[in-house]
């Protein structure tokens, strides 16, 4: 049901995700898995997923990110505060631009998680859902 609601909302607001964006997300995952000595096909099989399932999941995630862009912006102050509070947890050899990029992405994902849950609940509440029951 969430998938349908997301796709309907994206269509209503004319928000789209290109195949290139999906491919870039897949490439990012593949590169990350390679650094861990794994490959995408094995990881997908372990999750009981196909490449097509992953593509749809990434499409939905990217649509939600675009639809909620204004809610998940991360400010420089938020990044600086996080770095200050957690400075002892970063690898010593990690350079400042890398730290900022990593922290920004982490904070964005946290905001996305909490915002998307509330947003989906709001969509569900406002949706006209017809249940068909066989008697």
N, C-alpha and C. Protein backbone atom coordinates (compact mmCIF):
# COMPACT_ATOMS: atom_id res chain seq x y z
N UNK A 1 0.83 -1.19 0.00
CA UNK A 1 0.00 0.00 0.00
C UNK A 1 0.88 1.26 0.00
N UNK A 2 1.97 1.26 0.80
CA UNK A 2 2.85 2.43 0.83
C UNK A 2 3.40 2.74 -0.56
N UNK A 3 3.78 1.69 -1.29
CA UNK A 3 4.33 1.88 -2.63
C UNK A 3 3.33 2.62 -3.51
N UNK A 4 2.08 2.21 -3.47
CA UNK A 4 1.05 2.84 -4.28
C UNK A 4 0.85 4.30 -3.87
N UNK A 5 0.82 4.55 -2.56
CA UNK A 5 0.64 5.92 -2.08
C UNK A 5 1.79 6.82 -2.51
N UNK A 6 3.01 6.31 -2.41
CA UNK A 6 4.19 7.09 -2.82
C UNK A 6 4.13 7.40 -4.31
N UNK A 7 3.84 6.38 -5.12
CA UNK A 7 3.78 6.58 -6.57
C UNK A 7 2.67 7.56 -6.95
N UNK A 8 1.53 7.47 -6.28
CA UNK A 8 0.42 8.39 -6.57
C UNK A 8 0.79 9.82 -6.20
N UNK A 9 1.42 10.00 -5.04
CA UNK A 9 1.79 11.34 -4.59
C UNK A 9 2.85 11.93 -5.52
N UNK A 10 3.81 11.11 -5.95
CA UNK A 10 4.84 11.59 -6.87
C UNK A 10 4.21 12.01 -8.20
N UNK A 11 3.27 11.22 -8.69
CA UNK A 11 2.60 11.57 -9.95
C UNK A 11 1.82 12.87 -9.79
N UNK A 12 1.11 12.99 -8.67
CA UNK A 12 0.31 14.19 -8.40
C UNK A 12 1.19 15.44 -8.35
N UNK A 13 2.39 15.31 -7.80
CA UNK A 13 3.29 16.46 -7.66
C UNK A 13 4.32 16.53 -8.79
N UNK A 14 4.15 15.66 -9.79
CA UNK A 14 5.04 15.63 -10.95
C UNK A 14 6.51 15.46 -10.56
N UNK A 15 6.76 14.55 -9.62
CA UNK A 15 8.12 14.23 -9.18
C UNK A 15 8.51 12.91 -9.83
N UNK A 16 9.70 12.89 -10.43
CA UNK A 16 10.14 11.69 -11.13
C UNK A 16 11.56 11.33 -10.73
N UNK A 17 11.89 10.06 -10.92
CA UNK A 17 13.24 9.56 -10.72
C UNK A 17 13.66 8.91 -12.03
N UNK A 18 14.80 9.32 -12.55
CA UNK A 18 15.27 8.77 -13.82
C UNK A 18 15.96 7.42 -13.60
N UNK A 19 16.05 6.66 -14.68
CA UNK A 19 16.77 5.39 -14.61
C UNK A 19 18.24 5.64 -14.27
N UNK A 20 18.78 6.76 -14.73
CA UNK A 20 20.16 7.12 -14.41
C UNK A 20 20.37 7.30 -12.91
N UNK A 21 19.39 7.90 -12.23
CA UNK A 21 19.49 8.08 -10.78
C UNK A 21 19.46 6.72 -10.07
N UNK A 22 18.60 5.84 -10.55
CA UNK A 22 18.51 4.50 -9.96
C UNK A 22 19.82 3.75 -10.19
N UNK A 23 20.34 3.82 -11.42
CA UNK A 23 21.60 3.16 -11.75
C UNK A 23 22.75 3.68 -10.89
N UNK A 24 22.77 5.00 -10.64
CA UNK A 24 23.81 5.60 -9.80
C UNK A 24 23.71 5.07 -8.37
N UNK A 25 22.49 4.92 -7.87
CA UNK A 25 22.29 4.37 -6.52
C UNK A 25 22.76 2.93 -6.45
N UNK A 26 22.46 2.16 -7.49
CA UNK A 26 22.90 0.75 -7.53
C UNK A 26 24.42 0.69 -7.56
N UNK A 27 25.04 1.54 -8.36
CA UNK A 27 26.51 1.58 -8.46
C UNK A 27 27.13 1.89 -7.10
N UNK A 28 26.53 2.82 -6.37
CA UNK A 28 27.01 3.18 -5.04
C UNK A 28 26.97 1.96 -4.10
N UNK A 29 25.87 1.22 -4.17
CA UNK A 29 25.72 0.02 -3.34
C UNK A 29 26.75 -1.02 -3.75
N UNK A 30 26.91 -1.22 -5.06
CA UNK A 30 27.89 -2.20 -5.55
C UNK A 30 29.29 -1.84 -5.07
N UNK A 31 29.66 -0.57 -5.17
CA UNK A 31 30.99 -0.13 -4.74
C UNK A 31 31.18 -0.35 -3.24
N UNK A 32 30.15 -0.06 -2.47
CA UNK A 32 30.22 -0.26 -1.03
C UNK A 32 30.39 -1.74 -0.69
N UNK A 33 29.64 -2.59 -1.37
CA UNK A 33 29.74 -4.03 -1.14
C UNK A 33 31.12 -4.56 -1.51
N UNK A 34 31.69 -4.04 -2.61
CA UNK A 34 33.02 -4.48 -3.04
C UNK A 34 34.07 -4.21 -1.98
N UNK A 35 33.95 -3.06 -1.30
CA UNK A 35 34.93 -2.74 -0.25
C UNK A 35 34.81 -3.70 0.93
N UNK A 36 33.67 -4.38 1.02
CA UNK A 36 33.45 -5.37 2.08
C UNK A 36 33.67 -6.80 1.58
N UNK A 37 34.17 -6.92 0.35
CA UNK A 37 34.45 -8.24 -0.21
C UNK A 37 33.21 -9.00 -0.65
N UNK A 38 32.14 -8.28 -0.95
CA UNK A 38 30.90 -8.92 -1.38
C UNK A 38 30.51 -8.41 -2.76
N UNK A 39 29.50 -9.07 -3.35
CA UNK A 39 28.96 -8.53 -4.60
C UNK A 39 27.44 -8.40 -4.47
N UNK A 40 26.88 -7.62 -5.36
CA UNK A 40 25.46 -7.28 -5.27
C UNK A 40 24.56 -8.50 -5.39
N UNK A 41 24.85 -9.38 -6.34
CA UNK A 41 23.98 -10.53 -6.56
C UNK A 41 23.88 -11.40 -5.31
N UNK A 42 25.02 -11.63 -4.64
CA UNK A 42 25.03 -12.43 -3.41
C UNK A 42 24.24 -11.74 -2.31
N UNK A 43 24.46 -10.44 -2.16
CA UNK A 43 23.74 -9.68 -1.14
C UNK A 43 22.24 -9.70 -1.39
N UNK A 44 21.84 -9.55 -2.64
CA UNK A 44 20.42 -9.59 -2.98
C UNK A 44 19.83 -10.97 -2.69
N UNK A 45 20.56 -12.02 -3.05
CA UNK A 45 20.09 -13.38 -2.81
C UNK A 45 19.89 -13.62 -1.31
N UNK A 46 20.81 -13.11 -0.50
CA UNK A 46 20.70 -13.26 0.95
C UNK A 46 19.46 -12.56 1.50
N UNK A 47 19.04 -11.50 0.83
CA UNK A 47 17.86 -10.75 1.25
C UNK A 47 16.58 -11.26 0.58
N UNK A 48 16.73 -12.25 -0.31
CA UNK A 48 15.58 -12.77 -1.03
C UNK A 48 15.02 -11.76 -2.02
N UNK A 49 15.92 -10.94 -2.58
CA UNK A 49 15.52 -9.89 -3.52
C UNK A 49 16.13 -10.11 -4.89
N UNK A 50 15.48 -9.54 -5.89
CA UNK A 50 16.04 -9.52 -7.23
C UNK A 50 16.57 -8.12 -7.51
N UNK A 51 17.28 -7.99 -8.61
CA UNK A 51 17.77 -6.66 -9.02
C UNK A 51 16.58 -5.73 -9.30
N UNK A 52 15.52 -6.30 -9.84
CA UNK A 52 14.31 -5.52 -10.12
C UNK A 52 13.67 -5.02 -8.82
N UNK A 53 13.65 -5.88 -7.78
CA UNK A 53 13.14 -5.46 -6.47
C UNK A 53 13.95 -4.28 -5.94
N UNK A 54 15.28 -4.39 -6.05
CA UNK A 54 16.17 -3.33 -5.58
C UNK A 54 15.91 -2.03 -6.34
N UNK A 55 15.76 -2.14 -7.66
CA UNK A 55 15.49 -0.95 -8.47
C UNK A 55 14.22 -0.25 -8.03
N UNK A 56 13.17 -1.02 -7.76
CA UNK A 56 11.90 -0.42 -7.31
C UNK A 56 12.07 0.21 -5.94
N UNK A 57 12.78 -0.46 -5.05
CA UNK A 57 13.02 0.08 -3.71
C UNK A 57 13.79 1.40 -3.78
N UNK A 58 14.80 1.44 -4.64
CA UNK A 58 15.59 2.66 -4.79
C UNK A 58 14.77 3.77 -5.45
N UNK A 59 13.93 3.40 -6.40
CA UNK A 59 13.06 4.40 -7.03
C UNK A 59 12.15 5.03 -5.99
N UNK A 60 11.55 4.19 -5.15
CA UNK A 60 10.66 4.70 -4.11
C UNK A 60 11.41 5.58 -3.12
N UNK A 61 12.61 5.13 -2.70
CA UNK A 61 13.40 5.92 -1.75
C UNK A 61 13.76 7.28 -2.34
N UNK A 62 14.18 7.27 -3.61
CA UNK A 62 14.54 8.53 -4.26
C UNK A 62 13.33 9.45 -4.43
N UNK A 63 12.18 8.87 -4.74
CA UNK A 63 10.96 9.68 -4.84
C UNK A 63 10.63 10.33 -3.49
N UNK A 64 10.71 9.54 -2.43
CA UNK A 64 10.42 10.06 -1.09
C UNK A 64 11.41 11.17 -0.74
N UNK A 65 12.69 10.96 -1.05
CA UNK A 65 13.70 12.00 -0.78
C UNK A 65 13.35 13.30 -1.50
N UNK A 66 12.92 13.18 -2.75
CA UNK A 66 12.56 14.39 -3.51
C UNK A 66 11.29 15.03 -2.97
N UNK A 67 10.31 14.20 -2.63
CA UNK A 67 9.05 14.73 -2.11
C UNK A 67 9.23 15.40 -0.75
N UNK A 68 10.18 14.92 0.03
CA UNK A 68 10.40 15.46 1.38
C UNK A 68 11.65 16.32 1.47
N UNK A 69 12.17 16.76 0.34
CA UNK A 69 13.43 17.51 0.31
C UNK A 69 13.45 18.67 1.30
N UNK A 70 12.34 19.39 1.39
CA UNK A 70 12.31 20.55 2.29
C UNK A 70 12.33 20.14 3.77
N UNK A 71 11.91 18.93 4.07
CA UNK A 71 11.89 18.46 5.46
C UNK A 71 13.20 17.81 5.90
N UNK A 72 14.05 17.44 4.95
CA UNK A 72 15.26 16.69 5.32
C UNK A 72 16.54 17.46 5.05
N UNK A 73 16.43 18.76 4.87
CA UNK A 73 17.64 19.57 4.67
C UNK A 73 18.47 19.55 5.94
N UNK A 74 19.77 19.45 5.77
CA UNK A 74 20.70 19.46 6.90
C UNK A 74 21.49 20.76 6.84
N UNK A 75 21.50 21.48 7.95
CA UNK A 75 22.20 22.77 7.99
C UNK A 75 23.66 22.58 8.38
N UNK A 76 24.47 23.57 8.04
CA UNK A 76 25.88 23.54 8.43
C UNK A 76 26.02 23.49 9.95
N UNK A 77 25.13 24.17 10.65
CA UNK A 77 25.17 24.18 12.11
C UNK A 77 24.90 22.78 12.67
N UNK A 78 23.93 22.07 12.10
CA UNK A 78 23.64 20.71 12.55
C UNK A 78 24.86 19.81 12.36
N UNK A 79 25.52 19.96 11.22
CA UNK A 79 26.72 19.17 10.94
C UNK A 79 27.81 19.51 11.94
N UNK A 80 28.06 20.79 12.14
CA UNK A 80 29.11 21.23 13.07
C UNK A 80 28.82 20.75 14.49
N UNK A 81 27.57 20.85 14.92
CA UNK A 81 27.19 20.39 16.27
C UNK A 81 27.43 18.89 16.42
N UNK A 82 27.03 18.13 15.40
CA UNK A 82 27.21 16.68 15.45
C UNK A 82 28.70 16.32 15.51
N UNK A 83 29.49 16.98 14.68
CA UNK A 83 30.94 16.70 14.66
C UNK A 83 31.55 17.04 16.02
N UNK A 84 31.16 18.16 16.59
CA UNK A 84 31.70 18.58 17.89
C UNK A 84 31.35 17.56 18.98
N UNK A 85 30.12 17.08 18.99
CA UNK A 85 29.68 16.13 20.01
C UNK A 85 30.30 14.75 19.83
N UNK A 86 30.67 14.41 18.59
CA UNK A 86 31.14 13.06 18.29
C UNK A 86 32.55 13.02 17.73
N UNK A 87 33.34 14.06 17.97
CA UNK A 87 34.66 14.17 17.33
C UNK A 87 35.59 13.01 17.66
N UNK A 88 35.41 12.39 18.81
CA UNK A 88 36.28 11.28 19.20
C UNK A 88 35.96 9.98 18.48
N UNK A 89 34.84 9.94 17.77
CA UNK A 89 34.43 8.70 17.11
C UNK A 89 34.91 8.57 15.67
N UNK A 90 35.43 9.66 15.11
CA UNK A 90 35.88 9.62 13.71
C UNK A 90 37.31 9.10 13.62
N UNK A 91 37.61 8.34 12.56
CA UNK A 91 38.99 7.87 12.38
C UNK A 91 39.96 9.06 12.30
N UNK A 92 41.11 8.90 12.89
CA UNK A 92 42.11 9.97 12.94
C UNK A 92 42.53 10.41 11.55
N UNK A 93 42.64 9.47 10.62
CA UNK A 93 43.11 9.79 9.27
C UNK A 93 42.00 10.32 8.34
N UNK A 94 40.79 10.45 8.86
CA UNK A 94 39.68 10.94 8.03
C UNK A 94 39.76 12.46 7.94
N UNK A 95 39.74 12.95 6.71
CA UNK A 95 39.87 14.40 6.48
C UNK A 95 38.52 15.10 6.72
N UNK A 96 38.60 16.40 7.03
CA UNK A 96 37.41 17.17 7.38
C UNK A 96 36.31 17.13 6.31
N UNK A 97 36.65 17.30 5.02
CA UNK A 97 35.58 17.23 4.00
C UNK A 97 34.87 15.87 3.99
N UNK A 98 35.64 14.79 4.21
CA UNK A 98 35.04 13.45 4.26
C UNK A 98 34.10 13.33 5.46
N UNK A 99 34.55 13.86 6.60
CA UNK A 99 33.73 13.81 7.81
C UNK A 99 32.43 14.57 7.59
N UNK A 100 32.54 15.78 7.04
CA UNK A 100 31.34 16.60 6.81
C UNK A 100 30.37 15.90 5.86
N UNK A 101 30.90 15.31 4.80
CA UNK A 101 30.06 14.62 3.83
C UNK A 101 29.35 13.43 4.49
N UNK A 102 30.11 12.66 5.26
CA UNK A 102 29.57 11.49 5.94
C UNK A 102 28.49 11.89 6.95
N UNK A 103 28.78 12.91 7.75
CA UNK A 103 27.83 13.37 8.77
C UNK A 103 26.58 13.94 8.11
N UNK A 104 26.75 14.71 7.06
CA UNK A 104 25.59 15.28 6.35
C UNK A 104 24.67 14.17 5.85
N UNK A 105 25.25 13.15 5.25
CA UNK A 105 24.45 12.03 4.73
C UNK A 105 23.76 11.28 5.87
N UNK A 106 24.49 11.07 6.97
CA UNK A 106 23.92 10.37 8.12
C UNK A 106 22.73 11.15 8.70
N UNK A 107 22.90 12.45 8.89
CA UNK A 107 21.83 13.28 9.43
C UNK A 107 20.63 13.34 8.48
N UNK A 108 20.93 13.39 7.18
CA UNK A 108 19.87 13.40 6.17
C UNK A 108 19.05 12.11 6.25
N UNK A 109 19.74 10.98 6.38
CA UNK A 109 19.04 9.69 6.46
C UNK A 109 18.21 9.59 7.73
N UNK A 110 18.72 10.14 8.84
CA UNK A 110 17.94 10.15 10.09
C UNK A 110 16.67 10.97 9.91
N UNK A 111 16.81 12.15 9.33
CA UNK A 111 15.64 13.00 9.10
C UNK A 111 14.66 12.34 8.13
N UNK A 112 15.21 11.70 7.10
CA UNK A 112 14.37 11.02 6.13
C UNK A 112 13.55 9.92 6.80
N UNK A 113 14.20 9.15 7.66
CA UNK A 113 13.51 8.07 8.36
C UNK A 113 12.34 8.57 9.18
N UNK A 114 12.58 9.58 10.00
CA UNK A 114 11.50 10.07 10.86
C UNK A 114 10.45 10.84 10.06
N UNK A 115 10.87 11.65 9.10
CA UNK A 115 9.92 12.42 8.30
C UNK A 115 9.07 11.52 7.41
N UNK A 116 9.68 10.49 6.84
CA UNK A 116 8.92 9.65 5.91
C UNK A 116 7.85 8.85 6.64
N UNK A 117 8.14 8.43 7.88
CA UNK A 117 7.13 7.69 8.65
C UNK A 117 5.90 8.58 8.89
N UNK A 118 6.14 9.79 9.36
CA UNK A 118 5.04 10.72 9.63
C UNK A 118 4.30 11.06 8.33
N UNK A 119 5.05 11.27 7.26
CA UNK A 119 4.46 11.62 5.97
C UNK A 119 3.58 10.48 5.44
N UNK A 120 4.08 9.24 5.55
CA UNK A 120 3.30 8.09 5.09
C UNK A 120 2.03 7.91 5.92
N UNK A 121 2.13 8.15 7.22
CA UNK A 121 0.93 8.07 8.07
C UNK A 121 -0.09 9.12 7.64
N UNK A 122 0.40 10.31 7.33
CA UNK A 122 -0.47 11.39 6.87
C UNK A 122 -1.13 11.02 5.53
N UNK A 123 -0.34 10.46 4.60
CA UNK A 123 -0.89 10.04 3.31
C UNK A 123 -1.95 8.95 3.50
N UNK A 124 -1.64 7.99 4.36
CA UNK A 124 -2.56 6.88 4.60
C UNK A 124 -3.87 7.40 5.19
N UNK A 125 -3.74 8.32 6.14
CA UNK A 125 -4.92 8.89 6.79
C UNK A 125 -5.81 9.62 5.79
N UNK A 126 -5.17 10.32 4.86
CA UNK A 126 -5.92 11.12 3.89
C UNK A 126 -6.32 10.36 2.63
N UNK A 127 -5.83 9.14 2.49
CA UNK A 127 -6.11 8.36 1.28
C UNK A 127 -7.50 7.74 1.35
N UNK A 128 -8.09 7.60 0.19
CA UNK A 128 -9.33 6.85 0.09
C UNK A 128 -8.93 5.42 -0.22
N UNK A 129 -9.08 4.56 0.75
CA UNK A 129 -8.66 3.17 0.57
C UNK A 129 -9.90 2.29 0.57
N UNK A 130 -10.04 1.54 -0.50
CA UNK A 130 -11.16 0.61 -0.60
C UNK A 130 -10.64 -0.80 -0.35
N UNK A 131 -11.25 -1.46 0.60
CA UNK A 131 -10.88 -2.85 0.88
C UNK A 131 -11.93 -3.75 0.25
N UNK A 132 -11.48 -4.72 -0.48
CA UNK A 132 -12.38 -5.67 -1.10
C UNK A 132 -12.25 -6.99 -0.35
N UNK A 133 -13.34 -7.42 0.23
CA UNK A 133 -13.32 -8.63 1.05
C UNK A 133 -14.19 -9.68 0.37
N UNK A 134 -13.66 -10.88 0.29
CA UNK A 134 -14.43 -11.99 -0.27
C UNK A 134 -15.24 -12.64 0.84
N UNK A 135 -16.53 -12.77 0.63
CA UNK A 135 -17.39 -13.43 1.62
C UNK A 135 -17.83 -14.75 1.09
